[in-house]
């Protein structure tokens, strides 16, 4: 587990929060978690111990004009070395195809595709050889998987994220940077509960975070451009 700099989006709830906490409670990592809601916290930085550093960064990733501030903050916080970037932030509107508005479609594509695209582009100059990008997609975006009504925009955006992963794996390979994608099935998050009230997922955010942590730290040594279906069940 050589990667020491960890950058996680959507770190204030669900899988992102669980992943942020796991890295924050492990020794030897510099962990930066990004979420808009962190802006409301009075103390965004805390030094856990001499060997553990954690930054809660309140930032709206859809405000691309402020990315220079974002990158400078990350650059000042991280020591030199490989970075693990987990593009975890996501948005889901549960809406029938006929009822989905242009605004809902555009916002879904912005959060689930455009933000990861341009965040990677801006973070790339900070990444050394052996850095790893993990894009968190969905089984809805995995080709050939069972699909569900009401998730057309969400599934399309997550499918596009998987294709982006394959493209970047090729383009960034000369830099020694690996890019992989996890297509998650049902995890008991707020987003799932909102879309499927009463549904009980077989996996908790903490359980999925443990897998992502291990995958992010280790799999890039043997995998690149791989789309991994990761589900005990659908959706």
Protein backbone atom coordinates (compact mmCIF):
# COMPACT_ATOMS: atom_id res chain seq x y z
CA UNK A 1 0.00 0.00 0.00
CA UNK A 2 2.38 2.71 -1.21
CA UNK A 3 -0.10 5.47 -2.15
CA UNK A 4 -0.23 8.02 0.69
CA UNK A 5 -2.23 10.91 -0.81
CA UNK A 6 -5.96 10.21 -0.96
CA UNK A 7 -8.54 12.47 -2.65
CA UNK A 8 -12.23 11.57 -2.33
CA UNK A 9 -15.25 13.39 -3.75
CA UNK A 10 -18.71 13.15 -2.23
CA UNK A 11 -17.07 12.63 1.15
CA UNK A 12 -19.85 13.91 3.41
CA UNK A 13 -22.26 10.98 3.24
CA UNK A 14 -22.77 7.39 2.17
CA UNK A 15 -19.86 5.48 0.69
CA UNK A 16 -17.71 8.60 0.38
CA UNK A 17 -18.10 9.43 4.05
CA UNK A 18 -17.30 5.86 5.08
CA UNK A 19 -14.23 5.81 2.83
CA UNK A 20 -13.05 9.19 4.13
CA UNK A 21 -13.37 7.96 7.71
CA UNK A 22 -11.51 4.71 7.01
CA UNK A 23 -8.52 6.52 5.52
CA UNK A 24 -8.64 9.19 8.23
CA UNK A 25 -8.44 6.51 10.93
CA UNK A 26 -5.57 4.68 9.26
CA UNK A 27 -2.00 5.79 9.93
CA UNK A 28 0.26 7.30 7.32
CA UNK A 29 -2.23 8.90 4.89
CA UNK A 30 -2.93 12.45 3.85
CA UNK A 31 -6.67 12.41 3.14
CA UNK A 32 -8.60 15.20 1.45
CA UNK A 33 -12.37 14.78 1.27
CA UNK A 34 -14.40 17.16 -0.88
CA UNK A 35 -18.08 17.98 -0.33
CA UNK A 36 -20.21 21.11 -0.58
CA UNK A 37 -21.67 20.49 2.88
CA UNK A 38 -18.22 20.71 4.48
CA UNK A 39 -18.42 24.46 3.87
CA UNK A 40 -20.81 24.65 6.82
CA UNK A 41 -18.30 23.13 9.25
CA UNK A 42 -16.37 25.71 11.32
CA UNK A 43 -13.19 23.61 11.54
CA UNK A 44 -12.39 21.99 8.22
CA UNK A 45 -8.90 20.84 9.05
CA UNK A 46 -7.77 18.57 11.86
CA UNK A 47 -4.45 16.87 12.47
CA UNK A 48 -5.30 13.41 13.76
CA UNK A 49 -1.83 12.45 14.92
CA UNK A 50 1.71 13.07 13.87
CA UNK A 51 1.23 10.50 11.09
CA UNK A 52 -2.38 11.10 10.14
CA UNK A 53 -3.64 14.22 8.43
CA UNK A 54 -7.18 14.87 7.30
CA UNK A 55 -8.68 17.76 5.34
CA UNK A 56 -12.42 18.30 4.95
CA UNK A 57 -12.65 20.67 2.01
CA UNK A 58 -15.94 22.49 1.47
CA UNK A 59 -16.14 23.05 -2.27
CA UNK A 60 -18.78 23.01 -5.01
CA UNK A 61 -17.24 20.88 -7.75
CA UNK A 62 -19.71 22.27 -10.28
CA UNK A 63 -18.10 25.72 -9.96
CA UNK A 64 -15.35 25.19 -12.49
CA UNK A 65 -14.19 28.83 -12.26
CA UNK A 66 -12.94 28.14 -8.72
CA UNK A 67 -10.84 25.10 -9.64
CA UNK A 68 -7.55 27.04 -9.40
CA UNK A 69 -8.30 27.57 -5.69
CA UNK A 70 -9.20 23.89 -5.32
CA UNK A 71 -5.99 22.65 -6.92
CA UNK A 72 -3.82 25.05 -4.93
CA UNK A 73 -5.46 23.89 -1.69
CA UNK A 74 -4.90 20.24 -2.57
CA UNK A 75 -1.34 20.90 -3.72
CA UNK A 76 -0.49 22.75 -0.50
CA UNK A 77 -1.95 19.94 1.61
CA UNK A 78 -0.50 16.86 -0.09
CA UNK A 79 3.20 15.98 0.15
CA UNK A 80 4.82 14.97 -3.11
CA UNK A 81 3.94 11.47 -4.25
CA UNK A 82 1.30 9.33 -5.95
CA UNK A 83 -2.36 10.25 -5.52
CA UNK A 84 -5.39 7.99 -5.27
CA UNK A 85 -8.38 9.91 -6.64
CA UNK A 86 -11.79 8.34 -5.98
CA UNK A 87 -14.50 10.01 -8.05
CA UNK A 88 -17.36 9.01 -5.79
CA UNK A 89 -19.76 11.99 -5.93
CA UNK A 90 -22.95 11.19 -7.76
CA UNK A 91 -26.48 12.41 -8.45
CA UNK A 92 -29.63 10.41 -9.14
CA UNK A 93 -33.05 11.68 -10.17
CA UNK A 94 -35.58 8.87 -10.04
CA UNK A 95 -37.84 9.88 -12.91
CA UNK A 96 -39.64 8.21 -15.79
CA UNK A 97 -38.06 8.91 -19.17
CA UNK A 98 -41.09 10.94 -20.31
CA UNK A 99 -40.99 13.10 -17.17
CA UNK A 100 -37.26 13.82 -17.03
CA UNK A 101 -36.61 17.52 -17.59
CA UNK A 102 -33.69 19.07 -19.47
CA UNK A 103 -32.44 20.57 -16.20
CA UNK A 104 -32.49 17.17 -14.49
CA UNK A 105 -30.69 15.58 -17.43
CA UNK A 106 -28.07 18.33 -17.60
CA UNK A 107 -27.42 18.29 -13.85
CA UNK A 108 -27.10 14.49 -13.85
CA UNK A 109 -24.55 14.60 -16.66
CA UNK A 110 -22.66 17.43 -14.98
CA UNK A 111 -22.29 15.69 -11.62
CA UNK A 112 -21.75 12.14 -12.86
CA UNK A 113 -19.61 12.81 -15.94
CA UNK A 114 -18.48 16.40 -16.48
CA UNK A 115 -17.17 16.93 -12.94
CA UNK A 116 -15.04 13.74 -12.92
CA UNK A 117 -13.78 14.59 -16.42
CA UNK A 118 -12.52 18.06 -15.52
CA UNK A 119 -11.46 17.24 -11.97
CA UNK A 120 -9.15 14.56 -13.36
CA UNK A 121 -7.82 17.06 -15.89
CA UNK A 122 -7.03 19.62 -13.18
CA UNK A 123 -5.57 17.15 -10.66
CA UNK A 124 -3.43 15.41 -13.29
CA UNK A 125 -0.41 17.77 -12.96
CA UNK A 126 -0.19 16.79 -9.27
CA UNK A 127 -0.13 13.06 -10.03
CA UNK A 128 3.10 11.14 -10.07
CA UNK A 129 3.82 7.75 -11.60
CA UNK A 130 1.82 4.99 -9.85
CA UNK A 131 -1.11 7.28 -9.12
CA UNK A 132 -4.53 5.66 -9.43
CA UNK A 133 -7.90 7.04 -10.49
CA UNK A 134 -10.98 5.07 -9.42
CA UNK A 135 -14.27 6.12 -11.00
CA UNK A 136 -17.34 4.97 -9.09
CA UNK A 137 -20.02 3.97 -11.56
CA UNK A 138 -23.14 1.82 -11.21
CA UNK A 139 -24.45 -1.51 -12.40
CA UNK A 140 -26.99 0.62 -14.27
CA UNK A 141 -24.07 1.85 -16.37
CA UNK A 142 -22.58 -1.60 -16.93
CA UNK A 143 -23.30 -2.90 -20.42
CA UNK A 144 -25.56 -5.94 -20.44
CA UNK A 145 -26.77 -5.56 -16.87
CA UNK A 146 -30.41 -5.52 -15.84
CA UNK A 147 -31.85 -2.00 -16.14
CA UNK A 148 -34.60 -0.30 -14.12
CA UNK A 149 -37.29 2.18 -15.14
CA UNK A 150 -36.79 5.69 -13.83
CA UNK A 151 -32.99 5.58 -14.05
CA UNK A 152 -32.37 6.33 -17.74
CA UNK A 153 -30.40 9.58 -17.28
CA UNK A 154 -28.49 8.24 -14.28
CA UNK A 155 -27.59 4.96 -15.98
CA UNK A 156 -26.56 6.74 -19.19
CA UNK A 157 -24.26 9.08 -17.26
CA UNK A 158 -22.67 6.19 -15.37
CA UNK A 159 -22.21 4.24 -18.59
CA UNK A 160 -20.41 7.23 -20.05
CA UNK A 161 -18.15 7.35 -16.98
CA UNK A 162 -17.18 3.73 -17.62
CA UNK A 163 -16.26 4.56 -21.23
CA UNK A 164 -14.29 7.58 -20.06
CA UNK A 165 -12.34 5.24 -17.79
CA UNK A 166 -11.30 3.06 -20.72
CA UNK A 167 -10.26 6.11 -22.76
CA UNK A 168 -8.20 7.67 -19.96
CA UNK A 169 -6.51 4.37 -19.13
CA UNK A 170 -5.05 4.46 -22.64
CA UNK A 171 -4.16 8.16 -22.66
CA UNK A 172 -2.60 8.25 -19.20
CA UNK A 173 -0.71 4.96 -19.44
CA UNK A 174 2.51 6.68 -20.68
CA UNK A 175 2.47 8.72 -17.46
CA UNK A 176 2.28 5.57 -15.34
CA UNK A 177 -1.20 6.49 -14.08
CA UNK A 178 -3.85 3.76 -13.89
CA UNK A 179 -7.58 4.37 -14.30
CA UNK A 180 -10.21 1.81 -13.28
CA UNK A 181 -13.95 1.81 -12.72
CA UNK A 182 -16.18 0.11 -10.16
CA UNK A 183 -19.81 -0.46 -11.15
CA UNK A 184 -21.60 -0.75 -7.84
CA UNK A 185 -24.82 -2.59 -7.19
CA UNK A 186 -27.17 -1.88 -4.32
CA UNK A 187 -25.56 -0.24 -1.28
CA UNK A 188 -27.67 1.06 1.60
CA UNK A 189 -27.09 4.77 1.01
CA UNK A 190 -29.42 7.76 1.22
CA UNK A 191 -29.49 7.95 -2.56
CA UNK A 192 -30.68 4.35 -2.85
CA UNK A 193 -33.30 4.83 -0.13
CA UNK A 194 -34.69 7.88 -1.93
CA UNK A 195 -34.94 6.05 -5.25
CA UNK A 196 -36.20 2.74 -3.83
CA UNK A 197 -38.04 3.37 -0.54
CA UNK A 198 -38.28 0.27 1.61
CA UNK A 199 -35.61 -1.63 -0.33
CA UNK A 200 -32.96 -3.25 1.85
CA UNK A 201 -29.56 -3.46 0.19
CA UNK A 202 -27.24 -6.37 1.02
CA UNK A 203 -24.17 -4.14 1.43
CA UNK A 204 -23.51 -1.25 3.83
CA UNK A 205 -21.52 1.87 2.93
CA UNK A 206 -18.77 0.79 5.34
CA UNK A 207 -18.48 -2.63 3.69
CA UNK A 208 -18.25 -1.10 0.23
CA UNK A 209 -15.77 1.50 1.45
CA UNK A 210 -13.49 -1.28 2.73
CA UNK A 211 -13.47 -2.86 -0.72
CA UNK A 212 -12.82 0.46 -2.48
CA UNK A 213 -10.00 1.27 -0.08
CA UNK A 214 -8.21 -2.00 -0.82
CA UNK A 215 -8.96 -1.76 -4.55
CA UNK A 216 -7.69 1.80 -4.76
CA UNK A 217 -4.45 1.07 -2.95
CA UNK A 218 -3.54 -2.21 -4.61
CA UNK A 219 -5.29 -3.01 -7.89
CA UNK A 220 -3.47 -0.43 -10.05
CA UNK A 221 -0.36 -2.60 -9.94
CA UNK A 222 -2.11 -5.25 -12.04
CA UNK A 223 -5.20 -3.55 -13.54
CA UNK A 224 -5.74 -0.64 -15.90
CA UNK A 225 -8.83 0.35 -17.88
CA UNK A 226 -10.93 -2.33 -16.21
CA UNK A 227 -14.68 -1.96 -15.59
CA UNK A 228 -15.53 -4.09 -12.57
CA UNK A 229 -19.15 -5.14 -11.88
CA UNK A 230 -19.45 -5.21 -8.10
CA UNK A 231 -22.84 -6.38 -6.97
CA UNK A 232 -24.61 -8.98 -4.90
CA UNK A 233 -27.87 -7.79 -6.40
CA UNK A 234 -29.44 -5.15 -8.64
CA UNK A 235 -30.31 -2.28 -8.83
